[in-house]
Protein backbone atom coordinates (compact mmCIF):
# COMPACT_ATOMS: atom_id res chain seq x y z
CA MET A 1 9.50 6.04 -11.23
CA THR A 2 10.14 5.25 -15.04
CA ILE A 3 9.94 1.28 -14.16
CA MET A 4 7.39 1.97 -11.38
CA VAL A 5 4.46 3.48 -13.37
CA PRO A 6 4.29 1.04 -16.15
CA LEU A 7 4.16 -2.04 -13.66
CA ALA A 8 1.39 -0.33 -11.85
CA ARG A 9 -0.85 -0.77 -14.83
CA LYS A 10 -3.98 -3.33 -14.74
CA ASN A 11 -2.43 -5.84 -17.15
CA ALA A 12 1.17 -5.70 -15.80
CA ARG A 13 -0.09 -6.22 -12.32
CA ARG A 14 -1.92 -9.36 -13.36
CA LYS A 15 1.16 -10.97 -15.33
CA ASN A 16 3.54 -10.35 -12.72
CA TYR A 17 2.32 -9.06 -9.33
CA GLU A 18 6.11 -9.82 -7.89
CA ARG A 19 7.46 -6.88 -10.18
CA PHE A 20 5.30 -4.43 -9.30
CA TRP A 21 5.32 -5.38 -5.52
CA TYR A 22 8.77 -4.73 -5.28
CA THR A 23 9.23 -1.67 -7.41
CA HIS A 24 6.73 -0.17 -5.32
CA MET A 25 8.03 -1.25 -1.93
CA PHE A 26 11.38 0.49 -3.05
CA TRP A 27 9.84 4.04 -3.32
CA PHE A 28 11.06 4.93 0.33
CA PRO A 29 14.77 4.23 -0.54
CA LEU A 30 14.10 5.99 -3.91
CA LEU A 31 12.96 8.91 -2.24
CA ILE A 32 15.84 9.21 -0.03
CA LEU A 33 18.62 8.69 -3.08
CA LEU A 34 16.95 11.32 -4.64
CA SER A 35 16.62 13.43 -1.69
CA MET A 36 20.63 13.43 -1.56
CA HIS A 37 21.02 14.20 -5.04
CA GLY A 38 19.89 17.63 -4.81
CA SER A 39 20.79 17.94 -0.94
CA GLU A 40 22.58 21.22 -1.28
CA GLY A 41 19.49 23.13 -0.37
CA PHE A 42 17.71 20.44 0.92
CA PHE A 43 18.35 20.60 4.59
CA ASP A 44 16.92 24.78 4.36
CA VAL A 45 13.92 25.08 6.55
CA TRP A 46 11.18 25.55 3.49
CA GLN A 47 12.72 22.69 1.45
CA PHE A 48 12.87 20.36 4.06
CA HIS A 49 9.14 20.91 5.22
CA TRP A 50 8.04 20.69 1.61
CA TRP A 51 9.72 17.38 0.46
CA VAL A 52 9.92 15.73 3.88
CA ILE A 53 7.68 16.76 6.46
CA PHE A 54 4.26 17.43 4.31
CA PRO A 55 4.27 13.98 2.55
CA GLY A 56 5.46 12.09 5.86
CA ALA A 57 2.54 13.42 7.72
CA ILE A 58 0.50 12.77 4.51
CA LEU A 59 2.19 9.11 4.74
CA ILE A 60 1.82 8.67 8.54
CA LEU A 61 -2.29 9.57 8.66
CA GLU A 62 -2.66 7.08 5.83
CA LYS A 63 -1.23 4.32 7.90
CA VAL A 64 -3.27 5.34 10.96
CA VAL A 65 -6.34 5.04 9.01
CA MET A 66 -5.51 1.82 7.48
CA LEU A 67 -4.27 0.59 11.08
CA PHE A 68 -7.87 1.65 12.48
CA GLU A 69 -9.93 0.40 9.54
CA THR A 70 -7.86 -2.80 9.75
CA CYS A 71 -8.51 -3.44 13.43
CA PHE A 72 -11.54 -1.88 14.52
CA SER A 73 -13.90 -2.46 11.85
CA LYS A 74 -16.50 -4.95 12.51
CA LYS A 75 -16.28 -8.72 10.29
CA LYS A 76 -19.12 -10.86 10.65
CA ILE A 77 -17.93 -14.64 9.73
CA ALA A 78 -20.57 -16.41 8.30
CA HIS A 79 -19.00 -20.31 7.94
CA LEU A 80 -15.84 -21.70 9.15
CA GLU A 81 -14.98 -25.02 8.63
CA TYR A 82 -11.64 -27.20 8.50
CA LEU A 83 -11.44 -28.96 5.54
CA SER A 84 -8.02 -30.77 6.00
CA SER A 85 -4.61 -29.73 7.71
CA GLU A 86 -4.12 -27.21 4.85
CA LEU A 87 -7.37 -26.43 3.81
CA ILE A 88 -9.97 -23.97 5.37
CA ASP A 89 -13.39 -22.98 4.03
CA LEU A 90 -14.03 -19.40 5.38
CA LYS A 91 -17.20 -17.45 4.64
CA ILE A 92 -17.31 -13.79 5.52
CA HIS A 93 -20.44 -11.52 5.20
CA ARG A 94 -19.25 -8.53 3.13
CA PRO A 95 -20.31 -4.84 3.99
CA LYS A 96 -23.16 -3.06 2.00
CA ASN A 97 -20.95 -0.57 0.35
CA PHE A 98 -18.28 -3.56 -0.93
CA ASN A 99 -18.57 -3.92 -4.96
CA TYR A 100 -16.18 -6.67 -6.18
CA ASN A 101 -16.15 -7.78 -9.73
CA ALA A 102 -13.93 -11.11 -10.48
CA GLY A 103 -11.16 -11.18 -13.26
């Protein structure tokens, strides 16, 4: 967590995105290691629900919502043109509630 939090800042993400990505993909093994650290009372029913079942349910719900939005949201392609063997010009209509500021 000490490494993950500073790398989540906007400036750190821009300078070295790979470090940000790898540290944030390491959260699940880190959770398992932290769970094993104090495992004496971990398998007690209430402790297990509090630290594994509830966060796991929230994580699964988030992944299901992301999958649903990715698969079933309508995307309108405005323009598609093959410029060369490795280059494509793709323009997509953005939703009304989508705001983006470059940079």
